[in-house]
Amino acid sequence: WLSPWFRDWTIEDCLPGIRCPILAMQGEDDEYATMAQLDTISARATRSPRVEQLRIPGCGHQPHRDAPQVVLDAIERFVATL
């Protein structure tokens, strides 16, 4: 992500095309991303029937490794509501 090649890379233009529920999760201590990315997903995924954010405290760039039980519990809750 620090490479100049990635500097302008984004999926923001794809977000309005998503038509399924979204569970967007990110570690609050992610060294490569900011919480603004979750807010952008929520704002730009306008066709999604639901966008839920999960901000994981004390977690870095790999929530599935840093907080596996938090991630699994969130997925289970999210899927159960579909």
Protein backbone atom coordinates (compact mmCIF):
# COMPACT_ATOMS: atom_id res chain seq x y z
CA TRP A 1 0.00 0.00 0.00
CA LEU A 2 2.97 2.28 0.36
CA SER A 3 3.96 1.69 -3.25
CA PRO A 4 3.35 4.61 -5.63
CA TRP A 5 1.42 2.17 -7.85
CA PHE A 6 -1.34 1.94 -5.21
CA ARG A 7 -1.52 5.66 -4.46
CA ASP A 8 -4.53 6.26 -6.73
CA TRP A 9 -6.06 2.78 -6.51
CA THR A 10 -9.63 2.75 -5.22
CA ILE A 11 -12.84 0.75 -5.44
CA GLU A 12 -15.06 3.73 -4.63
CA ASP A 13 -16.62 3.81 -8.10
CA CYS A 14 -17.70 0.18 -7.68
CA LEU A 15 -19.55 0.74 -4.40
CA PRO A 16 -22.83 2.04 -5.88
CA GLY A 17 -23.18 -1.23 -7.80
CA ILE A 18 -23.28 -3.43 -4.70
CA ARG A 19 -26.83 -4.68 -4.16
CA CYS A 20 -26.37 -7.03 -1.22
CA PRO A 21 -26.00 -6.39 2.52
CA ILE A 22 -22.50 -5.40 3.61
CA LEU A 23 -20.66 -6.05 6.84
CA ALA A 24 -17.63 -3.76 6.66
CA MET A 25 -15.10 -4.35 9.42
CA GLN A 26 -11.79 -2.80 10.21
CA GLY A 27 -9.34 -2.69 13.07
CA GLU A 28 -9.12 0.69 14.76
CA ASP A 29 -5.33 0.32 14.82
CA ASP A 30 -5.05 -0.62 11.13
CA GLU A 31 -1.69 0.66 9.97
CA TYR A 32 -2.77 0.79 6.32
CA ALA A 33 -6.28 2.21 6.46
CA THR A 34 -8.46 4.72 8.25
CA MET A 35 -11.98 4.64 9.59
CA ALA A 36 -12.87 7.05 6.80
CA GLN A 37 -12.85 4.05 4.48
CA LEU A 38 -15.72 2.47 6.40
CA ASP A 39 -17.62 5.74 6.22
CA THR A 40 -17.02 5.88 2.47
CA ILE A 41 -18.39 2.38 2.03
CA SER A 42 -21.51 3.34 4.00
CA ALA A 43 -21.99 6.54 2.02
CA ARG A 44 -21.28 5.19 -1.47
CA ALA A 45 -22.91 1.73 -1.35
CA THR A 46 -26.26 3.37 -2.05
CA ARG A 47 -27.95 0.31 -3.56
CA SER A 48 -27.05 -1.98 -0.70
CA PRO A 49 -30.11 -2.65 1.46
CA ARG A 50 -27.92 -2.49 4.55
CA VAL A 51 -24.37 -1.48 5.43
CA GLU A 52 -23.16 -2.33 8.91
CA GLN A 53 -19.81 -1.16 10.22
CA LEU A 54 -17.69 -2.95 12.77
CA ARG A 55 -14.78 -0.96 14.19
CA ILE A 56 -12.62 -3.33 16.20
CA PRO A 57 -10.64 -1.74 19.05
CA GLY A 58 -7.09 -2.94 19.65
CA CYS A 59 -7.01 -4.54 16.21
CA GLY A 60 -4.67 -3.94 13.27
CA HIS A 61 -4.90 -4.70 9.56
CA GLN A 62 -5.88 -8.36 9.95
CA PRO A 63 -9.03 -8.60 12.08
CA HIS A 64 -9.41 -12.31 11.33
CA ARG A 65 -6.02 -12.85 13.02
CA ASP A 66 -5.99 -10.06 15.60
CA ALA A 67 -9.56 -10.59 16.85
CA PRO A 68 -10.85 -13.87 15.39
CA GLN A 69 -13.68 -14.40 17.86
CA VAL A 70 -14.94 -10.83 17.43
CA VAL A 71 -14.96 -11.32 13.66
CA LEU A 72 -16.71 -14.70 13.83
CA ASP A 73 -19.34 -13.43 16.27
CA ALA A 74 -20.02 -10.39 14.07
CA ILE A 75 -20.40 -12.54 10.96
CA GLU A 76 -22.72 -14.93 12.77
CA ARG A 77 -24.94 -12.07 14.00
CA PHE A 78 -24.94 -10.40 10.60
CA VAL A 79 -25.81 -13.56 8.65
CA ALA A 80 -28.54 -14.49 11.13
CA THR A 81 -30.36 -11.26 10.28
CA LEU A 82 -30.43 -11.93 6.53
